[in-house]
């Protein structure tokens, strides 16, 4: 083979090789893209089919509360006692619409029924995942791993205000003599407010007003000034929300 023929053959072969390589690379890109879409779709499908994989009431709330005799209790284990219509989202994509939902604060579970008319015994619990959240009427519940469900009070550009809803159970007490009074079993509401910043910082607000102010550290003066100016009560949820809305607008807070 002459050098010229060899050069032409080599050039032709290299062009074919480059073309084949380009085709292979493009094919691999398409396949990878298709696989990623397929994986995403399969993952979403898996979540949709496994949204409710176990029965509700893991902590057996009915050992504490009998829904057939609500008159025997002061309060209930639920944030709102009745099931209400709501939606479930997976990473902002609605995957369940108009389901019957309610939050069980004792078990820290979101219970689900297909319809409001279904028996409560048929309820199952929503899978706990940070990628799944639920909207029940005007309330949005998000799940934070190792911490449980939180109710979103405000979600701003820089700050979010979340509320942890819990219930403290007190068993019934029977009077031991004429001077004592019998009391019903009681579920006492307890709330903890937490501020989340987009840079990953968290601040859990103490119960007392003075401790709340101190919790803001170097920003205490800003908070104290605005609180006095607006006559805010930091033990009142609406006023806490108003404060966080204000702080959310402050650059670098």
C-alpha atoms as a PDB file:
ATOM      1  CA  UNK A   1       0.000   0.000   0.000  1.00  0.00           C
ATOM      2  CA  UNK A   2       1.475   3.396  -1.079  1.00  0.00           C
ATOM      3  CA  UNK A   3       1.785   6.207   1.427  1.00  0.00           C
ATOM      4  CA  UNK A   4      -0.854   8.192  -0.433  1.00  0.00           C
ATOM      5  CA  UNK A   5      -3.354   5.335  -0.481  1.00  0.00           C
ATOM      6  CA  UNK A   6      -2.518   4.610   3.149  1.00  0.00           C
ATOM      7  CA  UNK A   7      -3.109   8.260   4.071  1.00  0.00           C
ATOM      8  CA  UNK A   8      -6.437   8.370   2.197  1.00  0.00           C
ATOM      9  CA  UNK A   9      -7.532   5.079   3.764  1.00  0.00           C
ATOM     10  CA  UNK A  10      -6.491   6.231   7.192  1.00  0.00           C
ATOM     11  CA  UNK A  11      -8.297   9.577   6.745  1.00  0.00           C
ATOM     12  CA  UNK A  12     -11.403   7.830   5.473  1.00  0.00           C
ATOM     13  CA  UNK A  13     -11.249   5.286   8.320  1.00  0.00           C
ATOM     14  CA  UNK A  14     -10.704   8.004  10.895  1.00  0.00           C
ATOM     15  CA  UNK A  15     -13.691   9.961   9.558  1.00  0.00           C
ATOM     16  CA  UNK A  16     -15.811   6.843   9.729  1.00  0.00           C
ATOM     17  CA  UNK A  17     -14.472   6.129  13.199  1.00  0.00           C
ATOM     18  CA  UNK A  18     -15.218   9.684  14.320  1.00  0.00           C
ATOM     19  CA  UNK A  19     -18.708   9.458  12.820  1.00  0.00           C
ATOM     20  CA  UNK A  20     -19.313   6.096  14.491  1.00  0.00           C
ATOM     21  CA  UNK A  21     -17.927   7.455  17.769  1.00  0.00           C
ATOM     22  CA  UNK A  22     -20.223  10.475  17.526  1.00  0.00           C
ATOM     23  CA  UNK A  23     -23.205   8.239  16.792  1.00  0.00           C
ATOM     24  CA  UNK A  24     -22.320   5.956  19.715  1.00  0.00           C
ATOM     25  CA  UNK A  25     -21.855   8.908  22.064  1.00  0.00           C
ATOM     26  CA  UNK A  26     -25.148  10.449  20.964  1.00  0.00           C
ATOM     27  CA  UNK A  27     -26.853   7.093  21.370  1.00  0.00           C
ATOM     28  CA  UNK A  28     -25.424   6.712  24.870  1.00  0.00           C
ATOM     29  CA  UNK A  29     -26.587  10.221  25.794  1.00  0.00           C
ATOM     30  CA  UNK A  30     -30.095   9.445  24.540  1.00  0.00           C
ATOM     31  CA  UNK A  31     -30.106   6.117  26.374  1.00  0.00           C
ATOM     32  CA  UNK A  32     -28.885   7.735  29.605  1.00  0.00           C
ATOM     33  CA  UNK A  33     -31.493  10.474  29.301  1.00  0.00           C
ATOM     34  CA  UNK A  34     -34.207   7.914  28.615  1.00  0.00           C
ATOM     35  CA  UNK A  35     -33.041   5.824  31.555  1.00  0.00           C
ATOM     36  CA  UNK A  36     -33.059   8.859  33.850  1.00  0.00           C
ATOM     37  CA  UNK A  37     -36.584   9.707  32.749  1.00  0.00           C
ATOM     38  CA  UNK A  38     -37.603   6.091  33.143  1.00  0.00           C
ATOM     39  CA  UNK A  39     -35.999   5.937  36.580  1.00  0.00           C
ATOM     40  CA  UNK A  40     -37.737   9.152  37.611  1.00  0.00           C
ATOM     41  CA  UNK A  41     -41.072   7.898  36.303  1.00  0.00           C
ATOM     42  CA  UNK A  42     -40.596   4.500  37.942  1.00  0.00           C
ATOM     43  CA  UNK A  43     -39.593   6.196  41.183  1.00  0.00           C
ATOM     44  CA  UNK A  44     -42.669   8.408  41.117  1.00  0.00           C
ATOM     45  CA  UNK A  45     -44.825   5.415  40.221  1.00  0.00           C
ATOM     46  CA  UNK A  46     -43.274   3.480  43.102  1.00  0.00           C
ATOM     47  CA  UNK A  47     -44.038   6.318  45.524  1.00  0.00           C
ATOM     48  CA  UNK A  48     -47.584   6.539  44.202  1.00  0.00           C
ATOM     49  CA  UNK A  49     -48.181   2.831  44.734  1.00  0.00           C
ATOM     50  CA  UNK A  50     -46.447   2.766  48.119  1.00  0.00           C
ATOM     51  CA  UNK A  51     -47.832   5.972  49.582  1.00  0.00           C
ATOM     52  CA  UNK A  52     -49.712   4.066  52.250  1.00  0.00           C
ATOM     53  CA  UNK A  53     -47.772   0.917  53.000  1.00  0.00           C
ATOM     54  CA  UNK A  54     -48.844   0.249  56.560  1.00  0.00           C
ATOM     55  CA  UNK A  55     -51.911   0.659  58.696  1.00  0.00           C
ATOM     56  CA  UNK A  56     -52.344   3.861  60.635  1.00  0.00           C
ATOM     57  CA  UNK A  57     -51.882   4.065  64.379  1.00  0.00           C
ATOM     58  CA  UNK A  58     -48.392   2.650  64.799  1.00  0.00           C
ATOM     59  CA  UNK A  59     -48.406   3.825  68.416  1.00  0.00           C
ATOM     60  CA  UNK A  60     -51.904   2.432  68.943  1.00  0.00           C
ATOM     61  CA  UNK A  61     -53.665   5.693  69.742  1.00  0.00           C
ATOM     62  CA  UNK A  62     -56.840   3.785  70.498  1.00  0.00           C
ATOM     63  CA  UNK A  63     -55.250   2.516  73.700  1.00  0.00           C
ATOM     64  CA  UNK A  64     -55.557   6.124  74.824  1.00  0.00           C
ATOM     65  CA  UNK A  65     -58.618   7.247  72.916  1.00  0.00           C
ATOM     66  CA  UNK A  66     -61.896   5.583  71.938  1.00  0.00           C
ATOM     67  CA  UNK A  67     -63.538   7.585  69.120  1.00  0.00           C
ATOM     68  CA  UNK A  68     -66.871   5.926  69.933  1.00  0.00           C
ATOM     69  CA  UNK A  69     -67.030   7.766  73.283  1.00  0.00           C
ATOM     70  CA  UNK A  70     -65.600  11.284  72.715  1.00  0.00           C
ATOM     71  CA  UNK A  71     -67.586  12.569  75.707  1.00  0.00           C
ATOM     72  CA  UNK A  72     -65.104  10.791  77.989  1.00  0.00           C
ATOM     73  CA  UNK A  73     -62.231  12.981  76.857  1.00  0.00           C
ATOM     74  CA  UNK A  74     -61.168  16.569  76.933  1.00  0.00           C
ATOM     75  CA  UNK A  75     -59.592  17.007  73.503  1.00  0.00           C
ATOM     76  CA  UNK A  76     -58.483  14.408  70.949  1.00  0.00           C
ATOM     77  CA  UNK A  77     -55.202  12.980  69.623  1.00  0.00           C
ATOM     78  CA  UNK A  78     -55.723  14.852  66.347  1.00  0.00           C
ATOM     79  CA  UNK A  79     -54.760  18.350  65.243  1.00  0.00           C
ATOM     80  CA  UNK A  80     -58.262  18.561  63.755  1.00  0.00           C
ATOM     81  CA  UNK A  81     -60.526  15.744  64.884  1.00  0.00           C
ATOM     82  CA  UNK A  82     -62.383  15.210  61.596  1.00  0.00           C
ATOM     83  CA  UNK A  83     -60.951  13.982  58.322  1.00  0.00           C
ATOM     84  CA  UNK A  84     -60.792  16.792  55.768  1.00  0.00           C
ATOM     85  CA  UNK A  85     -60.142  16.851  52.038  1.00  0.00           C
ATOM     86  CA  UNK A  86     -56.511  17.296  51.083  1.00  0.00           C
ATOM     87  CA  UNK A  87     -53.798  16.637  48.512  1.00  0.00           C
ATOM     88  CA  UNK A  88     -50.450  14.850  48.664  1.00  0.00           C
ATOM     89  CA  UNK A  89     -47.376  16.024  46.752  1.00  0.00           C
ATOM     90  CA  UNK A  90     -44.119  14.382  45.737  1.00  0.00           C
ATOM     91  CA  UNK A  91     -41.495  17.068  45.086  1.00  0.00           C
ATOM     92  CA  UNK A  92     -44.198  19.612  44.129  1.00  0.00           C
ATOM     93  CA  UNK A  93     -46.023  17.150  41.857  1.00  0.00           C
ATOM     94  CA  UNK A  94     -49.530  16.315  43.060  1.00  0.00           C
ATOM     95  CA  UNK A  95     -49.829  12.551  43.361  1.00  0.00           C
ATOM     96  CA  UNK A  96     -53.080  12.360  45.337  1.00  0.00           C
ATOM     97  CA  UNK A  97     -56.034  14.701  45.000  1.00  0.00           C
ATOM     98  CA  UNK A  98     -59.023  15.154  47.324  1.00  0.00           C
ATOM     99  CA  UNK A  99     -58.191  12.360  49.715  1.00  0.00           C
ATOM    100  CA  UNK A 100     -59.580  12.313  53.259  1.00  0.00           C
ATOM    101  CA  UNK A 101     -56.683  13.315  55.524  1.00  0.00           C
ATOM    102  CA  UNK A 102     -56.003  14.264  59.136  1.00  0.00           C
ATOM    103  CA  UNK A 103     -52.923  14.658  61.319  1.00  0.00           C
ATOM    104  CA  UNK A 104     -52.552  12.372  64.341  1.00  0.00           C
ATOM    105  CA  UNK A 105     -50.366  14.395  66.724  1.00  0.00           C
ATOM    106  CA  UNK A 106     -49.926  11.530  69.203  1.00  0.00           C
ATOM    107  CA  UNK A 107     -48.639   9.064  66.599  1.00  0.00           C
ATOM    108  CA  UNK A 108     -47.065  11.820  64.459  1.00  0.00           C
ATOM    109  CA  UNK A 109     -48.787  10.442  61.373  1.00  0.00           C
ATOM    110  CA  UNK A 110     -50.949  11.737  58.564  1.00  0.00           C
ATOM    111  CA  UNK A 111     -53.903   9.386  58.249  1.00  0.00           C
ATOM    112  CA  UNK A 112     -55.652   8.770  54.939  1.00  0.00           C
ATOM    113  CA  UNK A 113     -58.985   7.408  53.734  1.00  0.00           C
ATOM    114  CA  UNK A 114     -60.205   7.262  50.145  1.00  0.00           C
ATOM    115  CA  UNK A 115     -63.274   9.326  50.976  1.00  0.00           C
ATOM    116  CA  UNK A 116     -64.791  11.193  53.899  1.00  0.00           C
ATOM    117  CA  UNK A 117     -67.552   8.576  54.067  1.00  0.00           C
ATOM    118  CA  UNK A 118     -65.199   5.619  54.562  1.00  0.00           C
ATOM    119  CA  UNK A 119     -64.927   4.055  58.000  1.00  0.00           C
ATOM    120  CA  UNK A 120     -62.086   5.454  60.123  1.00  0.00           C
ATOM    121  CA  UNK A 121     -60.917   1.871  60.711  1.00  0.00           C
ATOM    122  CA  UNK A 122     -59.858   1.736  57.045  1.00  0.00           C
ATOM    123  CA  UNK A 123     -57.398   4.608  57.496  1.00  0.00           C
ATOM    124  CA  UNK A 124     -53.753   4.107  56.608  1.00  0.00           C
ATOM    125  CA  UNK A 125     -50.735   6.292  57.263  1.00  0.00           C
ATOM    126  CA  UNK A 126     -48.854   8.353  54.730  1.00  0.00           C
ATOM    127  CA  UNK A 127     -45.277   7.209  54.117  1.00  0.00           C
ATOM    128  CA  UNK A 128     -42.860   9.485  55.978  1.00  0.00           C
ATOM    129  CA  UNK A 129     -40.441  11.089  53.524  1.00  0.00           C
ATOM    130  CA  UNK A 130     -38.892  14.545  53.223  1.00  0.00           C
ATOM    131  CA  UNK A 131     -39.892  14.450  49.546  1.00  0.00           C
ATOM    132  CA  UNK A 132     -43.589  14.026  50.359  1.00  0.00           C
ATOM    133  CA  UNK A 133     -45.821  16.677  51.898  1.00  0.00           C
ATOM    134  CA  UNK A 134     -49.548  17.071  52.403  1.00  0.00           C
ATOM    135  CA  UNK A 135     -51.976  19.963  52.161  1.00  0.00           C
ATOM    136  CA  UNK A 136     -55.081  19.540  54.299  1.00  0.00           C
ATOM    137  CA  UNK A 137     -57.420  22.421  53.506  1.00  0.00           C
ATOM    138  CA  UNK A 138     -55.267  25.490  54.286  1.00  0.00           C
ATOM    139  CA  UNK A 139     -52.653  23.597  56.329  1.00  0.00           C
ATOM    140  CA  UNK A 140     -49.409  22.255  54.838  1.00  0.00           C
ATOM    141  CA  UNK A 141     -47.527  19.474  56.630  1.00  0.00           C
ATOM    142  CA  UNK A 142     -43.903  18.685  55.795  1.00  0.00           C
ATOM    143  CA  UNK A 143     -41.774  15.849  57.151  1.00  0.00           C
ATOM    144  CA  UNK A 144     -38.270  16.444  58.529  1.00  0.00           C
ATOM    145  CA  UNK A 145     -36.248  13.228  59.068  1.00  0.00           C
ATOM    146  CA  UNK A 146     -35.615  12.331  62.723  1.00  0.00           C
ATOM    147  CA  UNK A 147     -37.896  15.200  63.797  1.00  0.00           C
ATOM    148  CA  UNK A 148     -41.293  14.338  62.362  1.00  0.00           C
ATOM    149  CA  UNK A 149     -44.091  16.395  60.837  1.00  0.00           C
ATOM    150  CA  UNK A 150     -44.225  20.166  60.998  1.00  0.00           C
ATOM    151  CA  UNK A 151     -46.982  22.574  60.054  1.00  0.00           C
ATOM    152  CA  UNK A 152     -45.806  25.348  57.742  1.00  0.00           C
ATOM    153  CA  UNK A 153     -46.894  28.725  59.122  1.00  0.00           C
ATOM    154  CA  UNK A 154     -44.852  30.873  56.744  1.00  0.00           C
ATOM    155  CA  UNK A 155     -42.506  30.051  53.869  1.00  0.00           C
ATOM    156  CA  UNK A 156     -40.533  33.060  52.664  1.00  0.00           C
ATOM    157  CA  UNK A 157     -37.570  33.662  50.395  1.00  0.00           C
ATOM    158  CA  UNK A 158     -35.014  33.428  53.194  1.00  0.00           C
ATOM    159  CA  UNK A 159     -36.858  32.259  56.302  1.00  0.00           C
ATOM    160  CA  UNK A 160     -39.575  29.746  57.102  1.00  0.00           C
ATOM    161  CA  UNK A 161     -41.634  29.434  60.266  1.00  0.00           C
ATOM    162  CA  UNK A 162     -42.680  25.896  61.186  1.00  0.00           C
ATOM    163  CA  UNK A 163     -44.829  24.667  64.043  1.00  0.00           C
ATOM    164  CA  UNK A 164     -44.391  21.304  65.735  1.00  0.00           C
ATOM    165  CA  UNK A 165     -47.779  20.094  66.973  1.00  0.00           C
ATOM    166  CA  UNK A 166     -47.791  17.606  69.835  1.00  0.00           C
ATOM    167  CA  UNK A 167     -50.331  16.329  72.355  1.00  0.00           C
ATOM    168  CA  UNK A 168     -49.644  15.618  76.002  1.00  0.00           C
ATOM    169  CA  UNK A 169     -51.905  12.864  77.356  1.00  0.00           C
ATOM    170  CA  UNK A 170     -53.227  12.932  80.908  1.00  0.00           C
ATOM    171  CA  UNK A 171     -55.172   9.832  82.057  1.00  0.00           C
ATOM    172  CA  UNK A 172     -58.562  10.169  83.765  1.00  0.00           C
ATOM    173  CA  UNK A 173     -58.534  10.750  87.479  1.00  0.00           C
ATOM    174  CA  UNK A 174     -61.240   9.431  89.774  1.00  0.00           C
ATOM    175  CA  UNK A 175     -62.044  11.373  92.941  1.00  0.00           C
ATOM    176  CA  UNK A 176     -60.794   9.579  96.054  1.00  0.00           C
ATOM    177  CA  UNK A 177     -63.017  11.495  98.459  1.00  0.00           C
ATOM    178  CA  UNK A 178     -65.690  14.206  98.629  1.00  0.00           C
ATOM    179  CA  UNK A 179     -63.083  16.963  98.480  1.00  0.00           C
ATOM    180  CA  UNK A 180     -61.645  15.858  95.162  1.00  0.00           C
ATOM    181  CA  UNK A 181     -63.152  16.083  91.717  1.00  0.00           C
ATOM    182  CA  UNK A 182     -62.980  13.438  89.024  1.00  0.00           C
ATOM    183  CA  UNK A 183     -61.406  14.566  85.768  1.00  0.00           C
ATOM    184  CA  UNK A 184     -61.673  13.293  82.199  1.00  0.00           C
ATOM    185  CA  UNK A 185     -58.785  11.930  80.224  1.00  0.00           C
ATOM    186  CA  UNK A 186     -57.195  14.940  78.564  1.00  0.00           C
ATOM    187  CA  UNK A 187     -55.138  15.726  75.472  1.00  0.00           C
ATOM    188  CA  UNK A 188     -53.314  19.008  75.928  1.00  0.00           C
ATOM    189  CA  UNK A 189     -52.107  20.921  72.861  1.00  0.00           C
ATOM    190  CA  UNK A 190     -48.421  21.801  72.804  1.00  0.00           C
ATOM    191  CA  UNK A 191     -46.647  23.776  70.111  1.00  0.00           C
ATOM    192  CA  UNK A 192     -43.001  24.438  69.353  1.00  0.00           C
ATOM    193  CA  UNK A 193     -42.064  27.073  66.771  1.00  0.00           C
ATOM    194  CA  UNK A 194     -38.889  26.725  64.740  1.00  0.00           C
ATOM    195  CA  UNK A 195     -37.337  29.182  62.301  1.00  0.00           C
ATOM    196  CA  UNK A 196     -35.522  27.666  59.333  1.00  0.00           C
ATOM    197  CA  UNK A 197     -33.209  29.773  57.180  1.00  0.00           C
ATOM    198  CA  UNK A 198     -32.334  28.931  53.595  1.00  0.00           C
ATOM    199  CA  UNK A 199     -28.647  28.744  54.583  1.00  0.00           C
ATOM    200  CA  UNK A 200     -29.421  25.724  56.765  1.00  0.00           C
ATOM    201  CA  UNK A 201     -29.579  27.379  60.186  1.00  0.00           C
ATOM    202  CA  UNK A 202     -32.409  26.598  62.595  1.00  0.00           C
ATOM    203  CA  UNK A 203     -33.699  28.399  65.654  1.00  0.00           C
ATOM    204  CA  UNK A 204     -36.179  26.792  68.030  1.00  0.00           C
ATOM    205  CA  UNK A 205     -38.120  29.421  69.918  1.00  0.00           C
ATOM    206  CA  UNK A 206     -38.412  28.947  73.703  1.00  0.00           C
ATOM    207  CA  UNK A 207     -41.816  29.247  75.357  1.00  0.00           C
ATOM    208  CA  UNK A 208     -41.277  32.429  77.360  1.00  0.00           C
ATOM    209  CA  UNK A 209     -41.284  35.827  75.669  1.00  0.00           C
ATOM    210  CA  UNK A 210     -37.987  36.967  77.213  1.00  0.00           C
ATOM    211  CA  UNK A 211     -36.211  33.765  76.231  1.00  0.00           C
ATOM    212  CA  UNK A 212     -37.552  34.135  72.697  1.00  0.00           C
ATOM    213  CA  UNK A 213     -35.872  37.534  72.419  1.00  0.00           C
ATOM    214  CA  UNK A 214     -32.589  36.200  73.817  1.00  0.00           C
ATOM    215  CA  UNK A 215     -32.692  33.293  71.353  1.00  0.00           C
ATOM    216  CA  UNK A 216     -32.116  35.733  68.474  1.00  0.00           C
ATOM    217  CA  UNK A 217     -28.631  36.480  69.831  1.00  0.00           C
ATOM    218  CA  UNK A 218     -26.903  39.293  67.903  1.00  0.00           C
ATOM    219  CA  UNK A 219     -30.206  40.126  66.183  1.00  0.00           C
ATOM    220  CA  UNK A 220     -32.046  40.655  69.457  1.00  0.00           C
ATOM    221  CA  UNK A 221     -32.107  44.467  69.107  1.00  0.00           C
ATOM    222  CA  UNK A 222     -33.680  44.276  65.627  1.00  0.00           C
ATOM    223  CA  UNK A 223     -36.344  41.872  66.891  1.00  0.00           C
ATOM    224  CA  UNK A 224     -36.976  43.814  70.093  1.00  0.00           C
ATOM    225  CA  UNK A 225     -37.288  47.121  68.232  1.00  0.00           C
ATOM    226  CA  UNK A 226     -39.798  45.782  65.691  1.00  0.00           C
ATOM    227  CA  UNK A 227     -41.748  43.951  68.405  1.00  0.00           C
ATOM    228  CA  UNK A 228     -42.185  47.157  70.396  1.00  0.00           C
ATOM    229  CA  UNK A 229     -42.960  49.237  67.321  1.00  0.00           C
ATOM    230  CA  UNK A 230     -45.710  46.839  66.192  1.00  0.00           C
ATOM    231  CA  UNK A 231     -46.832  45.947  69.738  1.00  0.00           C
ATOM    232  CA  UNK A 232     -46.323  42.240  69.061  1.00  0.00           C
ATOM    233  CA  UNK A 233     -46.894  39.423  71.524  1.00  0.00           C
ATOM    234  CA  UNK A 234     -44.296  36.746  70.792  1.00  0.00           C
ATOM    235  CA  UNK A 235     -46.460  34.154  72.497  1.00  0.00           C
ATOM    236  CA  UNK A 236     -49.114  34.735  69.835  1.00  0.00           C
ATOM    237  CA  UNK A 237     -48.762  32.794  66.584  1.00  0.00           C
ATOM    238  CA  UNK A 238     -50.046  35.573  64.325  1.00  0.00           C
ATOM    239  CA  UNK A 239     -47.554  38.009  65.847  1.00  0.00           C
ATOM    240  CA  UNK A 240     -44.661  35.535  65.534  1.00  0.00           C
ATOM    241  CA  UNK A 241     -45.586  35.079  61.875  1.00  0.00           C
ATOM    242  CA  UNK A 242     -45.671  38.852  61.354  1.00  0.00           C
ATOM    243  CA  UNK A 243     -42.198  39.135  62.892  1.00  0.00           C
ATOM    244  CA  UNK A 244     -40.734  36.401  60.657  1.00  0.00           C
ATOM    245  CA  UNK A 245     -42.326  37.995  57.583  1.00  0.00           C
ATOM    246  CA  UNK A 246     -40.538  41.218  58.501  1.00  0.00           C
ATOM    247  CA  UNK A 247     -37.193  39.491  59.182  1.00  0.00           C
ATOM    248  CA  UNK A 248     -37.474  37.598  55.897  1.00  0.00           C
ATOM    249  CA  UNK A 249     -37.125  40.908  54.044  1.00  0.00           C
ATOM    250  CA  UNK A 250     -33.896  41.884  55.830  1.00  0.00           C
ATOM    251  CA  UNK A 251     -30.871  41.061  53.704  1.00  0.00           C
ATOM    252  CA  UNK A 252     -28.508  38.599  55.333  1.00  0.00           C
ATOM    253  CA  UNK A 253     -30.609  38.017  58.441  1.00  0.00           C
END
